[in-house]
Protein backbone atom coordinates (compact mmCIF):
# COMPACT_ATOMS: atom_id res chain seq x y z
CA MET A 1 7.80 -1.45 -13.67
CA ARG A 2 8.39 -2.38 -10.08
CA LEU A 3 6.75 0.09 -7.73
CA VAL A 4 5.76 0.90 -4.00
CA PHE A 5 3.33 3.34 -3.03
CA LEU A 6 3.47 5.35 0.22
CA GLY A 7 0.79 7.39 1.76
CA PRO A 8 -1.58 7.68 4.60
CA PRO A 9 -4.95 6.19 4.38
CA GLY A 10 -7.24 8.05 2.10
CA ALA A 11 -4.55 9.19 -0.01
CA GLY A 12 -5.54 8.05 -3.16
CA LYS A 13 -2.97 5.44 -3.24
CA GLY A 14 -5.68 2.50 -4.46
CA THR A 15 -6.96 5.11 -7.36
CA GLN A 16 -3.72 5.62 -8.79
CA SER A 17 -2.43 1.83 -8.34
CA ALA A 18 -5.58 1.28 -10.61
CA ARG A 19 -4.70 3.69 -13.11
CA ILE A 20 -0.94 2.76 -13.34
CA GLN A 21 -1.75 -0.82 -13.15
CA GLU A 22 -3.93 -0.35 -16.16
CA LYS A 23 -1.41 1.93 -18.25
CA TYR A 24 1.45 -0.64 -17.46
CA ASP A 25 -0.43 -4.28 -17.15
CA ILE A 26 0.97 -5.19 -13.65
CA PRO A 27 -0.76 -6.49 -10.89
CA GLN A 28 -1.40 -4.08 -7.73
CA LEU A 29 -0.03 -6.63 -4.71
CA SER A 30 -2.36 -6.17 -1.72
CA THR A 31 -1.21 -8.05 1.10
CA GLY A 32 -4.47 -8.89 2.30
CA ASP A 33 -5.37 -9.97 -1.17
CA MET A 34 -2.52 -12.20 -0.96
CA LEU A 35 -2.54 -13.52 2.32
CA ARG A 36 -6.19 -14.86 1.49
CA ALA A 37 -4.92 -16.27 -1.90
CA ALA A 38 -1.79 -18.10 -0.09
CA VAL A 39 -4.48 -19.77 2.57
CA LYS A 40 -6.82 -20.70 0.14
CA ALA A 41 -4.07 -22.14 -2.24
CA GLY A 42 -2.90 -23.78 0.73
CA THR A 43 0.50 -23.19 0.04
CA PRO A 44 2.67 -23.71 3.18
CA THR A 45 3.20 -20.14 3.94
CA GLY A 46 -0.62 -19.83 3.78
CA LEU A 47 -1.00 -22.62 5.79
CA LYS A 48 1.01 -20.77 8.28
CA ALA A 49 -0.89 -17.74 8.25
CA LYS A 50 -4.00 -19.71 8.50
CA ALA A 51 -3.53 -21.08 12.06
CA ILE A 52 -2.39 -17.46 13.08
CA MET A 53 -5.76 -15.70 11.55
CA GLU A 54 -7.87 -18.46 12.95
CA ALA A 55 -6.37 -17.78 16.29
CA GLY A 56 -7.00 -14.24 16.06
CA GLY A 57 -3.36 -13.22 15.81
CA LEU A 58 -1.78 -10.74 13.36
CA VAL A 59 0.28 -12.54 10.58
CA PRO A 60 4.04 -11.43 11.42
CA ASP A 61 6.38 -9.80 9.02
CA GLU A 62 7.93 -13.25 7.74
CA VAL A 63 4.87 -14.53 6.67
CA VAL A 64 4.04 -11.39 5.06
CA VAL A 65 7.43 -11.37 3.64
CA GLY A 66 7.18 -15.22 2.42
CA ILE A 67 4.04 -14.27 0.63
CA ILE A 68 5.45 -10.98 -1.13
CA SER A 69 8.12 -13.33 -1.73
CA ASP A 70 6.20 -16.07 -3.62
CA ARG A 71 3.55 -13.38 -5.03
CA ILE A 72 6.22 -11.60 -6.70
CA ASP A 73 7.46 -14.96 -8.63
CA GLU A 74 3.82 -15.48 -10.59
CA PRO A 75 4.05 -14.85 -13.82
CA ASP A 76 2.01 -11.90 -14.17
CA ALA A 77 4.09 -10.11 -11.98
CA LYS A 78 7.11 -11.13 -14.45
CA ASN A 79 7.51 -7.65 -16.18
CA GLY A 80 6.43 -5.92 -12.52
CA PHE A 81 4.10 -5.03 -9.64
CA ILE A 82 2.52 -2.23 -7.62
CA LEU A 83 3.12 -3.24 -3.82
CA ASP A 84 0.16 -1.03 -2.51
CA GLY A 85 0.18 -1.50 1.87
CA PHE A 86 3.46 -2.75 1.78
CA PRO A 87 5.73 -2.29 3.32
CA ARG A 88 4.53 -0.80 6.74
CA THR A 89 7.35 -0.94 8.39
CA VAL A 90 11.08 -0.15 7.97
CA LYS A 91 11.48 -3.82 9.24
CA GLN A 92 9.48 -4.79 6.20
CA ALA A 93 11.07 -2.26 4.18
CA GLU A 94 14.50 -4.04 4.72
CA ALA A 95 13.15 -7.81 4.18
CA LEU A 96 11.86 -6.41 0.79
CA ALA A 97 15.32 -4.92 0.11
CA ASP A 98 16.61 -8.65 0.85
CA ILE A 99 14.05 -10.37 -0.91
CA LEU A 100 14.72 -7.89 -4.30
CA LEU A 101 18.61 -8.22 -3.80
CA LYS A 102 18.12 -12.35 -4.14
CA LYS A 103 15.98 -12.25 -6.61
CA LYS A 104 18.24 -9.64 -8.87
CA ILE A 105 15.17 -7.09 -9.20
CA ASN A 106 15.23 -3.81 -8.64
CA LEU A 107 12.51 -1.28 -7.60
CA ASP A 108 11.96 1.61 -10.33
CA ALA A 109 10.65 3.74 -7.66
CA VAL A 110 8.62 4.28 -4.39
CA ILE A 111 6.11 6.76 -4.80
CA GLU A 112 5.03 8.71 -1.78
CA LEU A 113 1.57 10.38 -2.03
CA LYS A 114 2.15 13.41 0.27
CA VAL A 115 -1.38 14.89 1.98
CA ASP A 116 -2.21 17.31 4.62
CA HIS A 117 -3.69 14.87 7.53
CA ASN A 118 -5.83 17.83 8.44
CA VAL A 119 -7.47 18.32 5.24
CA LEU A 120 -8.06 13.98 5.18
CA ILE A 121 -9.73 14.32 8.38
CA GLU A 122 -12.08 17.13 6.78
CA ARG A 123 -13.16 14.88 3.98
CA ILE A 124 -14.02 12.01 5.75
CA GLU A 125 -16.16 14.49 8.43
CA ARG A 126 -17.86 15.89 5.57
CA ARG A 127 -18.49 12.65 3.90
CA ALA A 128 -19.83 11.19 7.23
CA ALA A 129 -22.01 13.97 7.81
CA GLU A 130 -23.38 13.77 3.86
CA SER A 131 -24.41 10.27 4.45
CA ALA A 132 -26.21 10.87 7.71
CA ALA A 133 -28.18 13.68 6.21
CA LYS A 134 -28.91 11.29 3.22
CA GLY A 135 -29.97 8.72 6.49
CA GLU A 136 -27.41 6.27 4.65
CA ALA A 137 -25.16 4.55 6.71
CA ILE A 138 -21.79 5.85 7.23
CA ARG A 139 -19.28 3.08 5.75
CA ALA A 140 -16.79 2.08 8.21
CA ASP A 141 -13.68 3.88 6.77
CA ASP A 142 -15.60 6.66 7.07
CA ASN A 143 -15.82 7.06 10.96
CA PRO A 144 -13.87 9.79 11.61
CA ASP A 145 -12.46 8.34 15.21
CA ALA A 146 -11.40 5.32 13.40
CA PHE A 147 -10.14 7.26 10.58
CA ARG A 148 -7.87 9.46 13.18
CA LYS A 149 -6.46 6.15 15.05
CA ARG A 150 -5.79 4.86 11.20
CA LEU A 151 -3.38 8.30 10.52
CA GLU A 152 -1.91 7.96 14.22
CA ALA A 153 -1.04 3.90 13.25
CA TYR A 154 0.15 5.36 9.81
CA ARG A 155 2.34 8.09 11.71
CA GLU A 156 3.97 5.78 14.24
CA GLN A 157 4.71 2.94 11.62
CA THR A 158 4.54 3.70 8.49
CA ALA A 159 5.61 7.33 7.91
CA PRO A 160 9.40 5.87 8.94
CA VAL A 161 9.23 4.03 6.07
CA SER A 162 9.69 7.24 3.68
CA ALA A 163 12.61 8.26 5.41
CA PHE A 164 14.75 4.82 4.93
CA TYR A 165 13.50 5.14 1.37
CA THR A 166 15.10 8.88 1.28
CA SER A 167 18.22 7.71 2.64
CA LYS A 168 18.16 5.26 -0.18
CA GLY A 169 17.80 7.77 -2.53
CA ALA A 170 14.51 5.94 -3.73
CA LEU A 171 11.66 7.97 -2.63
CA LYS A 172 9.67 10.40 -5.08
CA ALA A 173 7.05 12.47 -3.58
CA VAL A 174 3.75 13.41 -5.35
CA ASP A 175 1.27 16.22 -4.42
CA GLY A 176 -1.68 14.23 -3.36
CA MET A 177 -3.75 16.82 -2.71
CA ALA A 178 -3.95 17.61 -6.43
CA ALA A 179 -6.86 16.71 -8.46
CA ILE A 180 -6.97 12.87 -9.09
CA ASP A 181 -5.72 13.30 -12.87
CA ASP A 182 -2.77 15.65 -11.97
CA VAL A 183 -1.72 13.25 -9.62
CA THR A 184 -1.93 10.67 -11.99
CA ALA A 185 -0.05 13.04 -14.51
CA GLN A 186 2.71 13.85 -11.90
CA ILE A 187 3.22 10.31 -11.21
CA ASN A 188 3.77 9.49 -15.09
CA ARG A 189 6.25 12.30 -15.54
CA LEU A 190 8.42 10.60 -12.83
CA LEU A 191 8.20 7.26 -14.48
CA GLU A 192 8.63 8.41 -17.44
CA SER A 193 11.48 10.55 -16.43
């Protein structure tokens, strides 16, 4: 099973990826984790990424794509993988398509968790208020202003990836506003059909 999960921050991609990962015994591939592992392993791509990260720069697409290409060749990804957080742009989606074509690998599904952005913001605001009321520190990812910026970046950069996959007939939408178990059931039905 080779999957891409799309959806804004807070949509539940991580939760659903973990469930699919367990069910199909395939790795969830996070670009951040892969970058850190490649740097630690000292791979040629990792060394390139390390120099850029140490200089405070953003790792360019070709480096990220190279790390993903290397990672999907590893033995634990032989039977599949879940890409969560990649591709973030249409350019990355096109690069992924090129990699998979060269490797003669097809994606089984691109699943988008459709959510109401206003409800997500309300959830974050409520969680932040509850934490503050308990005298707890507000988690960095529960900061409503920072979350709004992340949503805006998603709308500008990543939302067009949905149109890219729709044009290829690959996108499958799931109601991410449903209960967690219901979302899992929707995904399972899509994957089994």
